[in-house]
Amino acid sequence: MHNPDNTANQQELTYRLPSELKPYPGNARRHNEKQIAALMASISEFGFTNPILTNEDVMILSGHGRWQAAKRLELETVPTRIIAGLRL
């Protein structure tokens, strides 16, 4: 049974340099220029509403588009959350 309160594999929010994060080469989702521009506009207006998820090796699990937008916006740091135990 799924326990929504079970956060044993999740860590606290950590702010990292975008250059520290590693994109997952097997990521099936690709973002076109229009999507990246929309993400940039959203981040500029509202900030990050959802952190970039990584494993312990700072490989991006979820948030490749937000990461690309943050790099283009030249943000100093981005919010990340490590999901422990996921090796790619």
PDB file of N, CA and C in Angstrom:
ATOM      1  N   MET A   1       0.841  -1.182   0.000  1.00  0.00           N
ATOM      2  CA  MET A   1       0.000   0.000   0.000  1.00  0.00           C
ATOM      3  C   MET A   1       0.886   1.245   0.000  1.00  0.00           C
ATOM      4  N   HIS A   2       0.520   2.223  -0.793  1.00  0.00           N
ATOM      5  CA  HIS A   2       1.267   3.475  -0.891  1.00  0.00           C
ATOM      6  C   HIS A   2       0.999   4.346   0.332  1.00  0.00           C
ATOM      7  N   ASN A   3       2.060   4.821   0.926  1.00  0.00           N
ATOM      8  CA  ASN A   3       1.942   5.703   2.076  1.00  0.00           C
ATOM      9  C   ASN A   3       2.399   7.100   1.656  1.00  0.00           C
ATOM     10  N   PRO A   4       1.482   8.058   1.472  1.00  0.00           N
ATOM     11  CA  PRO A   4       1.879   9.386   1.008  1.00  0.00           C
ATOM     12  C   PRO A   4       2.766  10.128   1.995  1.00  0.00           C
ATOM     13  N   ASP A   5       2.787   9.705   3.248  1.00  0.00           N
ATOM     14  CA  ASP A   5       3.636  10.358   4.249  1.00  0.00           C
ATOM     15  C   ASP A   5       5.041   9.773   4.296  1.00  0.00           C
ATOM     16  N   ASN A   6       5.312   8.731   3.502  1.00  0.00           N
ATOM     17  CA  ASN A   6       6.617   8.087   3.513  1.00  0.00           C
ATOM     18  C   ASN A   6       7.591   8.909   2.667  1.00  0.00           C
ATOM     19  N   THR A   7       8.442   9.656   3.328  1.00  0.00           N
ATOM     20  CA  THR A   7       9.411  10.492   2.629  1.00  0.00           C
ATOM     21  C   THR A   7      10.832  10.028   2.907  1.00  0.00           C
ATOM     22  N   ALA A   8      10.993   8.756   3.239  1.00  0.00           N
ATOM     23  CA  ALA A   8      12.308   8.234   3.602  1.00  0.00           C
ATOM     24  C   ALA A   8      13.308   8.364   2.463  1.00  0.00           C
ATOM     25  N   ASN A   9      12.845   8.310   1.208  1.00  0.00           N
ATOM     26  CA  ASN A   9      13.791   8.392   0.087  1.00  0.00           C
ATOM     27  C   ASN A   9      13.924   9.812  -0.454  1.00  0.00           C
ATOM     28  N   GLN A  10      13.288  10.787   0.188  1.00  0.00           N
ATOM     29  CA  GLN A  10      13.378  12.170  -0.281  1.00  0.00           C
ATOM     30  C   GLN A  10      14.194  13.007   0.690  1.00  0.00           C
ATOM     31  N   GLN A  11      14.942  13.935   0.141  1.00  0.00           N
ATOM     32  CA  GLN A  11      15.763  14.820   0.948  1.00  0.00           C
ATOM     33  C   GLN A  11      15.166  16.223   0.924  1.00  0.00           C
ATOM     34  N   GLU A  12      15.701  17.060   1.775  1.00  0.00           N
ATOM     35  CA  GLU A  12      15.267  18.451   1.821  1.00  0.00           C
ATOM     36  C   GLU A  12      15.606  19.168   0.519  1.00  0.00           C
ATOM     37  N   LEU A  13      14.976  20.273   0.307  1.00  0.00           N
ATOM     38  CA  LEU A  13      15.243  21.114  -0.850  1.00  0.00           C
ATOM     39  C   LEU A  13      16.669  21.659  -0.749  1.00  0.00           C
ATOM     40  N   THR A  14      17.405  21.552  -1.841  1.00  0.00           N
ATOM     41  CA  THR A  14      18.780  22.049  -1.913  1.00  0.00           C
ATOM     42  C   THR A  14      18.890  22.954  -3.129  1.00  0.00           C
ATOM     43  N   TYR A  15      19.575  24.069  -2.980  1.00  0.00           N
ATOM     44  CA  TYR A  15      19.791  24.969  -4.119  1.00  0.00           C
ATOM     45  C   TYR A  15      21.169  24.690  -4.697  1.00  0.00           C
ATOM     46  N   ARG A  16      21.207  24.454  -6.002  1.00  0.00           N
ATOM     47  CA  ARG A  16      22.452  24.098  -6.680  1.00  0.00           C
ATOM     48  C   ARG A  16      22.671  24.996  -7.880  1.00  0.00           C
ATOM     49  N   LEU A  17      23.931  25.086  -8.281  1.00  0.00           N
ATOM     50  CA  LEU A  17      24.259  25.745  -9.538  1.00  0.00           C
ATOM     51  C   LEU A  17      23.716  24.900 -10.681  1.00  0.00           C
ATOM     52  N   PRO A  18      23.091  25.507 -11.685  1.00  0.00           N
ATOM     53  CA  PRO A  18      22.627  24.708 -12.823  1.00  0.00           C
ATOM     54  C   PRO A  18      23.751  23.895 -13.468  1.00  0.00           C
ATOM     55  N   SER A  19      24.962  24.417 -13.435  1.00  0.00           N
ATOM     56  CA  SER A  19      26.091  23.708 -14.050  1.00  0.00           C
ATOM     57  C   SER A  19      26.469  22.434 -13.298  1.00  0.00           C
ATOM     58  N   GLU A  20      26.024  22.296 -12.053  1.00  0.00           N
ATOM     59  CA  GLU A  20      26.303  21.080 -11.274  1.00  0.00           C
ATOM     60  C   GLU A  20      25.435  19.903 -11.710  1.00  0.00           C
ATOM     61  N   LEU A  21      24.277  20.198 -12.283  1.00  0.00           N
ATOM     62  CA  LEU A  21      23.323  19.147 -12.626  1.00  0.00           C
ATOM     63  C   LEU A  21      23.701  18.477 -13.936  1.00  0.00           C
ATOM     64  N   LYS A  22      23.425  17.178 -14.003  1.00  0.00           N
ATOM     65  CA  LYS A  22      23.741  16.390 -15.190  1.00  0.00           C
ATOM     66  C   LYS A  22      22.446  15.920 -15.843  1.00  0.00           C
ATOM     67  N   PRO A  23      22.237  16.279 -17.102  1.00  0.00           N
ATOM     68  CA  PRO A  23      21.034  15.784 -17.770  1.00  0.00           C
ATOM     69  C   PRO A  23      21.134  14.281 -18.006  1.00  0.00           C
ATOM     70  N   TYR A  24      20.021  13.600 -17.876  1.00  0.00           N
ATOM     71  CA  TYR A  24      19.986  12.162 -18.134  1.00  0.00           C
ATOM     72  C   TYR A  24      19.993  11.942 -19.645  1.00  0.00           C
ATOM     73  N   PRO A  25      21.033  11.276 -20.193  1.00  0.00           N
ATOM     74  CA  PRO A  25      21.133  11.105 -21.649  1.00  0.00           C
ATOM     75  C   PRO A  25      19.976  10.315 -22.248  1.00  0.00           C
ATOM     76  N   GLY A  26      19.339   9.462 -21.466  1.00  0.00           N
ATOM     77  CA  GLY A  26      18.229   8.660 -21.971  1.00  0.00           C
ATOM     78  C   GLY A  26      16.872   9.315 -21.792  1.00  0.00           C
ATOM     79  N   ASN A  27      16.851  10.597 -21.434  1.00  0.00           N
ATOM     80  CA  ASN A  27      15.584  11.281 -21.238  1.00  0.00           C
ATOM     81  C   ASN A  27      14.774  11.257 -22.531  1.00  0.00           C
ATOM     82  N   ALA A  28      13.575  10.704 -22.458  1.00  0.00           N
ATOM     83  CA  ALA A  28      12.735  10.568 -23.651  1.00  0.00           C
ATOM     84  C   ALA A  28      12.039  11.872 -24.028  1.00  0.00           C
ATOM     85  N   ARG A  29      11.893  12.767 -23.096  1.00  0.00           N
ATOM     86  CA  ARG A  29      11.165  14.009 -23.364  1.00  0.00           C
ATOM     87  C   ARG A  29      12.110  15.077 -23.885  1.00  0.00           C
ATOM     88  N   ARG A  30      11.740  15.659 -24.989  1.00  0.00           N
ATOM     89  CA  ARG A  30      12.503  16.762 -25.571  1.00  0.00           C
ATOM     90  C   ARG A  30      11.637  18.002 -25.577  1.00  0.00           C
ATOM     91  N   HIS A  31      12.241  19.141 -25.284  1.00  0.00           N
ATOM     92  CA  HIS A  31      11.502  20.402 -25.223  1.00  0.00           C
ATOM     93  C   HIS A  31      11.896  21.270 -26.412  1.00  0.00           C
ATOM     94  N   ASN A  32      10.889  21.743 -27.132  1.00  0.00           N
ATOM     95  CA  ASN A  32      11.186  22.623 -28.265  1.00  0.00           C
ATOM     96  C   ASN A  32      11.351  24.061 -27.770  1.00  0.00           C
ATOM     97  N   GLU A  33      11.726  24.942 -28.675  1.00  0.00           N
ATOM     98  CA  GLU A  33      12.006  26.333 -28.308  1.00  0.00           C
ATOM     99  C   GLU A  33      10.790  27.025 -27.689  1.00  0.00           C
ATOM    100  N   LYS A  34       9.599  26.725 -28.213  1.00  0.00           N
ATOM    101  CA  LYS A  34       8.380  27.340 -27.685  1.00  0.00           C
ATOM    102  C   LYS A  34       8.149  26.910 -26.232  1.00  0.00           C
ATOM    103  N   GLN A  35       8.384  25.644 -25.931  1.00  0.00           N
ATOM    104  CA  GLN A  35       8.208  25.157 -24.562  1.00  0.00           C
ATOM    105  C   GLN A  35       9.237  25.785 -23.621  1.00  0.00           C
ATOM    106  N   ILE A  36      10.482  25.864 -24.068  1.00  0.00           N
ATOM    107  CA  ILE A  36      11.529  26.479 -23.227  1.00  0.00           C
ATOM    108  C   ILE A  36      11.192  27.944 -22.962  1.00  0.00           C
ATOM    109  N   ALA A  37      10.732  28.659 -23.992  1.00  0.00           N
ATOM    110  CA  ALA A  37      10.352  30.066 -23.821  1.00  0.00           C
ATOM    111  C   ALA A  37       9.204  30.197 -22.823  1.00  0.00           C
ATOM    112  N   ALA A  38       8.227  29.289 -22.896  1.00  0.00           N
ATOM    113  CA  ALA A  38       7.106  29.325 -21.950  1.00  0.00           C
ATOM    114  C   ALA A  38       7.582  29.049 -20.523  1.00  0.00           C
ATOM    115  N   LEU A  39       8.494  28.111 -20.367  1.00  0.00           N
ATOM    116  CA  LEU A  39       9.059  27.821 -19.041  1.00  0.00           C
ATOM    117  C   LEU A  39       9.843  29.016 -18.512  1.00  0.00           C
ATOM    118  N   MET A  40      10.599  29.666 -19.384  1.00  0.00           N
ATOM    119  CA  MET A  40      11.347  30.854 -18.975  1.00  0.00           C
ATOM    120  C   MET A  40      10.398  31.951 -18.491  1.00  0.00           C
ATOM    121  N   ALA A  41       9.303  32.159 -19.222  1.00  0.00           N
ATOM    122  CA  ALA A  41       8.327  33.181 -18.832  1.00  0.00           C
ATOM    123  C   ALA A  41       7.687  32.831 -17.494  1.00  0.00           C
ATOM    124  N   SER A  42       7.356  31.562 -17.304  1.00  0.00           N
ATOM    125  CA  SER A  42       6.737  31.121 -16.055  1.00  0.00           C
ATOM    126  C   SER A  42       7.687  31.288 -14.872  1.00  0.00           C
ATOM    127  N   ILE A  43       8.932  30.875 -15.054  1.00  0.00           N
ATOM    128  CA  ILE A  43       9.923  31.008 -13.975  1.00  0.00           C
ATOM    129  C   ILE A  43      10.165  32.482 -13.658  1.00  0.00           C
ATOM    130  N   SER A  44      10.211  33.311 -14.697  1.00  0.00           N
ATOM    131  CA  SER A  44      10.421  34.745 -14.483  1.00  0.00           C
ATOM    132  C   SER A  44       9.279  35.370 -13.693  1.00  0.00           C
ATOM    133  N   GLU A  45       8.051  34.947 -13.989  1.00  0.00           N
ATOM    134  CA  GLU A  45       6.888  35.535 -13.328  1.00  0.00           C
ATOM    135  C   GLU A  45       6.613  34.945 -11.953  1.00  0.00           C
ATOM    136  N   PHE A  46       6.703  33.611 -11.843  1.00  0.00           N
ATOM    137  CA  PHE A  46       6.285  32.936 -10.609  1.00  0.00           C
ATOM    138  C   PHE A  46       7.422  32.305  -9.812  1.00  0.00           C
ATOM    139  N   GLY A  47       8.619  32.244 -10.384  1.00  0.00           N
ATOM    140  CA  GLY A  47       9.711  31.523  -9.751  1.00  0.00           C
ATOM    141  C   GLY A  47       9.530  30.031  -9.963  1.00  0.00           C
ATOM    142  N   PHE A  48      10.343  29.246  -9.303  1.00  0.00           N
ATOM    143  CA  PHE A  48      10.229  27.793  -9.395  1.00  0.00           C
ATOM    144  C   PHE A  48       9.095  27.344  -8.487  1.00  0.00           C
ATOM    145  N   THR A  49       8.102  26.692  -9.046  1.00  0.00           N
ATOM    146  CA  THR A  49       7.006  26.159  -8.239  1.00  0.00           C
ATOM    147  C   THR A  49       7.168  24.665  -8.025  1.00  0.00           C
ATOM    148  N   ASN A  50       8.151  24.077  -8.703  1.00  0.00           N
ATOM    149  CA  ASN A  50       8.402  22.638  -8.618  1.00  0.00           C
ATOM    150  C   ASN A  50       9.914  22.431  -8.754  1.00  0.00           C
ATOM    151  N   PRO A  51      10.566  21.822  -7.775  1.00  0.00           N
ATOM    152  CA  PRO A  51      12.021  21.662  -7.859  1.00  0.00           C
ATOM    153  C   PRO A  51      12.415  20.641  -8.925  1.00  0.00           C
ATOM    154  N   ILE A  52      13.658  20.692  -9.316  1.00  0.00           N
ATOM    155  CA  ILE A  52      14.241  19.697 -10.211  1.00  0.00           C
ATOM    156  C   ILE A  52      14.595  18.482  -9.362  1.00  0.00           C
ATOM    157  N   LEU A  53      14.160  17.311  -9.790  1.00  0.00           N
ATOM    158  CA  LEU A  53      14.446  16.084  -9.049  1.00  0.00           C
ATOM    159  C   LEU A  53      15.703  15.441  -9.596  1.00  0.00           C
ATOM    160  N   THR A  54      16.605  15.034  -8.687  1.00  0.00           N
ATOM    161  CA  THR A  54      17.853  14.383  -9.083  1.00  0.00           C
ATOM    162  C   THR A  54      18.059  13.130  -8.239  1.00  0.00           C
ATOM    163  N   ASN A  55      19.011  12.315  -8.679  1.00  0.00           N
ATOM    164  CA  ASN A  55      19.460  11.222  -7.813  1.00  0.00           C
ATOM    165  C   ASN A  55      20.682  11.714  -7.040  1.00  0.00           C
ATOM    166  N   GLU A  56      21.329  10.831  -6.293  1.00  0.00           N
ATOM    167  CA  GLU A  56      22.481  11.241  -5.473  1.00  0.00           C
ATOM    168  C   GLU A  56      23.662  11.721  -6.309  1.00  0.00           C
ATOM    169  N   ASP A  57      23.714  11.302  -7.572  1.00  0.00           N
ATOM    170  CA  ASP A  57      24.799  11.715  -8.475  1.00  0.00           C
ATOM    171  C   ASP A  57      24.472  13.004  -9.208  1.00  0.00           C
ATOM    172  N   VAL A  58      23.466  13.728  -8.774  1.00  0.00           N
ATOM    173  CA  VAL A  58      22.915  14.949  -9.375  1.00  0.00           C
ATOM    174  C   VAL A  58      22.532  14.778 -10.852  1.00  0.00           C
ATOM    175  N   MET A  59      22.135  13.565 -11.216  1.00  0.00           N
ATOM    176  CA  MET A  59      21.578  13.294 -12.537  1.00  0.00           C
ATOM    177  C   MET A  59      20.106  13.688 -12.485  1.00  0.00           C
ATOM    178  N   ILE A  60      19.672  14.484 -13.441  1.00  0.00           N
ATOM    179  CA  ILE A  60      18.291  14.955 -13.456  1.00  0.00           C
ATOM    180  C   ILE A  60      17.346  13.789 -13.747  1.00  0.00           C
ATOM    181  N   LEU A  61      16.380  13.606 -12.870  1.00  0.00           N
ATOM    182  CA  LEU A  61      15.333  12.602 -13.061  1.00  0.00           C
ATOM    183  C   LEU A  61      14.089  13.244 -13.659  1.00  0.00           C
ATOM    184  N   SER A  62      13.789  14.445 -13.223  1.00  0.00           N
ATOM    185  CA  SER A  62      12.624  15.185 -13.698  1.00  0.00           C
ATOM    186  C   SER A  62      12.942  16.669 -13.625  1.00  0.00           C
ATOM    187  N   GLY A  63      12.673  17.370 -14.717  1.00  0.00           N
ATOM    188  CA  GLY A  63      12.899  18.812 -14.716  1.00  0.00           C
ATOM    189  C   GLY A  63      13.904  19.284 -15.745  1.00  0.00           C
ATOM    190  N   HIS A  64      14.129  18.488 -16.789  1.00  0.00           N
ATOM    191  CA  HIS A  64      15.082  18.883 -17.823  1.00  0.00           C
ATOM    192  C   HIS A  64      14.708  20.226 -18.468  1.00  0.00           C
ATOM    193  N   GLY A  65      13.431  20.425 -18.727  1.00  0.00           N
ATOM    194  CA  GLY A  65      12.988  21.678 -19.349  1.00  0.00           C
ATOM    195  C   GLY A  65      13.196  22.864 -18.429  1.00  0.00           C
ATOM    196  N   ARG A  66      12.856  22.706 -17.145  1.00  0.00           N
ATOM    197  CA  ARG A  66      13.075  23.780 -16.174  1.00  0.00           C
ATOM    198  C   ARG A  66      14.568  24.093 -16.044  1.00  0.00           C
ATOM    199  N   TRP A  67      15.389  23.047 -16.094  1.00  0.00           N
ATOM    200  CA  TRP A  67      16.844  23.221 -16.024  1.00  0.00           C
ATOM    201  C   TRP A  67      17.349  24.019 -17.233  1.00  0.00           C
ATOM    202  N   GLN A  68      16.865  23.667 -18.427  1.00  0.00           N
ATOM    203  CA  GLN A  68      17.275  24.403 -19.630  1.00  0.00           C
ATOM    204  C   GLN A  68      16.833  25.860 -19.556  1.00  0.00           C
ATOM    205  N   ALA A  69      15.607  26.094 -19.095  1.00  0.00           N
ATOM    206  CA  ALA A  69      15.105  27.457 -18.962  1.00  0.00           C
ATOM    207  C   ALA A  69      15.937  28.243 -17.950  1.00  0.00           C
ATOM    208  N   ALA A  70      16.262  27.623 -16.837  1.00  0.00           N
ATOM    209  CA  ALA A  70      17.061  28.295 -15.802  1.00  0.00           C
ATOM    210  C   ALA A  70      18.445  28.667 -16.325  1.00  0.00           C
ATOM    211  N   LYS A  71      19.044  27.780 -17.113  1.00  0.00           N
ATOM    212  CA  LYS A  71      20.359  28.095 -17.687  1.00  0.00           C
ATOM    213  C   LYS A  71      20.250  29.290 -18.623  1.00  0.00           C
ATOM    214  N   ARG A  72      19.219  29.328 -19.447  1.00  0.00           N
ATOM    215  CA  ARG A  72      19.052  30.451 -20.379  1.00  0.00           C
ATOM    216  C   ARG A  72      18.759  31.752 -19.648  1.00  0.00           C
ATOM    217  N   LEU A  73      18.079  31.652 -18.519  1.00  0.00           N
ATOM    218  CA  LEU A  73      17.819  32.837 -17.702  1.00  0.00           C
ATOM    219  C   LEU A  73      19.034  33.238 -16.872  1.00  0.00           C
ATOM    220  N   GLU A  74      20.066  32.413 -16.930  1.00  0.00           N
ATOM    221  CA  GLU A  74      21.304  32.632 -16.187  1.00  0.00           C
ATOM    222  C   GLU A  74      21.051  32.749 -14.680  1.00  0.00           C
ATOM    223  N   LEU A  75      20.163  31.877 -14.182  1.00  0.00           N
ATOM    224  CA  LEU A  75      19.905  31.856 -12.742  1.00  0.00           C
ATOM    225  C   LEU A  75      21.139  31.320 -12.018  1.00  0.00           C
ATOM    226  N   GLU A  76      21.430  31.901 -10.887  1.00  0.00           N
ATOM    227  CA  GLU A  76      22.594  31.467 -10.116  1.00  0.00           C
ATOM    228  C   GLU A  76      22.388  30.086  -9.530  1.00  0.00           C
ATOM    229  N   THR A  77      21.195  29.831  -8.990  1.00  0.00           N
ATOM    230  CA  THR A  77      20.890  28.529  -8.386  1.00  0.00           C
ATOM    231  C   THR A  77      19.478  28.104  -8.771  1.00  0.00           C
ATOM    232  N   VAL A  78      19.246  26.805  -8.647  1.00  0.00           N
ATOM    233  CA  VAL A  78      17.917  26.236  -8.883  1.00  0.00           C
ATOM    234  C   VAL A  78      17.575  25.304  -7.727  1.00  0.00           C
ATOM    235  N   PRO A  79      16.289  25.217  -7.373  1.00  0.00           N
ATOM    236  CA  PRO A  79      15.904  24.304  -6.301  1.00  0.00           C
ATOM    237  C   PRO A  79      15.921  22.859  -6.800  1.00  0.00           C
ATOM    238  N   THR A  80      16.496  21.983  -6.002  1.00  0.00           N
ATOM    239  CA  THR A  80      16.545  20.564  -6.349  1.00  0.00           C
ATOM    240  C   THR A  80      16.134  19.737  -5.132  1.00  0.00           C
ATOM    241  N   ARG A  81      15.673  18.558  -5.420  1.00  0.00           N
ATOM    242  CA  ARG A  81      15.370  17.594  -4.365  1.00  0.00           C
ATOM    243  C   ARG A  81      15.971  16.266  -4.809  1.00  0.00           C
ATOM    244  N   ILE A  82      16.767  15.663  -3.943  1.00  0.00           N
ATOM    245  CA  ILE A  82      17.376  14.369  -4.242  1.00  0.00           C
ATOM    246  C   ILE A  82      16.390  13.259  -3.896  1.00  0.00           C
ATOM    247  N   ILE A  83      16.198  12.362  -4.829  1.00  0.00           N
ATOM    248  CA  ILE A  83      15.408  11.152  -4.593  1.00  0.00           C
ATOM    249  C   ILE A  83      16.425  10.023  -4.415  1.00  0.00           C
ATOM    250  N   ALA A  84      16.563   9.565  -3.197  1.00  0.00           N
ATOM    251  CA  ALA A  84      17.595   8.590  -2.861  1.00  0.00           C
ATOM    252  C   ALA A  84      17.262   7.218  -3.438  1.00  0.00           C
ATOM    253  N   GLY A  85      18.316   6.505  -3.792  1.00  0.00           N
ATOM    254  CA  GLY A  85      18.184   5.108  -4.204  1.00  0.00           C
ATOM    255  C   GLY A  85      17.901   4.882  -5.667  1.00  0.00           C
ATOM    256  N   LEU A  86      17.848   5.931  -6.475  1.00  0.00           N
ATOM    257  CA  LEU A  86      17.581   5.771  -7.909  1.00  0.00           C
ATOM    258  C   LEU A  86      18.866   5.978  -8.695  1.00  0.00           C
ATOM    259  N   ARG A  87      19.413   4.907  -9.182  1.00  0.00           N
ATOM    260  CA  ARG A  87      20.635   4.971 -10.002  1.00  0.00           C
ATOM    261  C   ARG A  87      20.266   4.755 -11.456  1.00  0.00           C
ATOM    262  N   LEU A  88      20.814   5.564 -12.318  1.00  0.00           N
ATOM    263  CA  LEU A  88      20.538   5.439 -13.756  1.00  0.00           C
ATOM    264  C   LEU A  88      21.756   4.949 -14.487  1.00  0.00           C
TER     265      LEU A  88
END
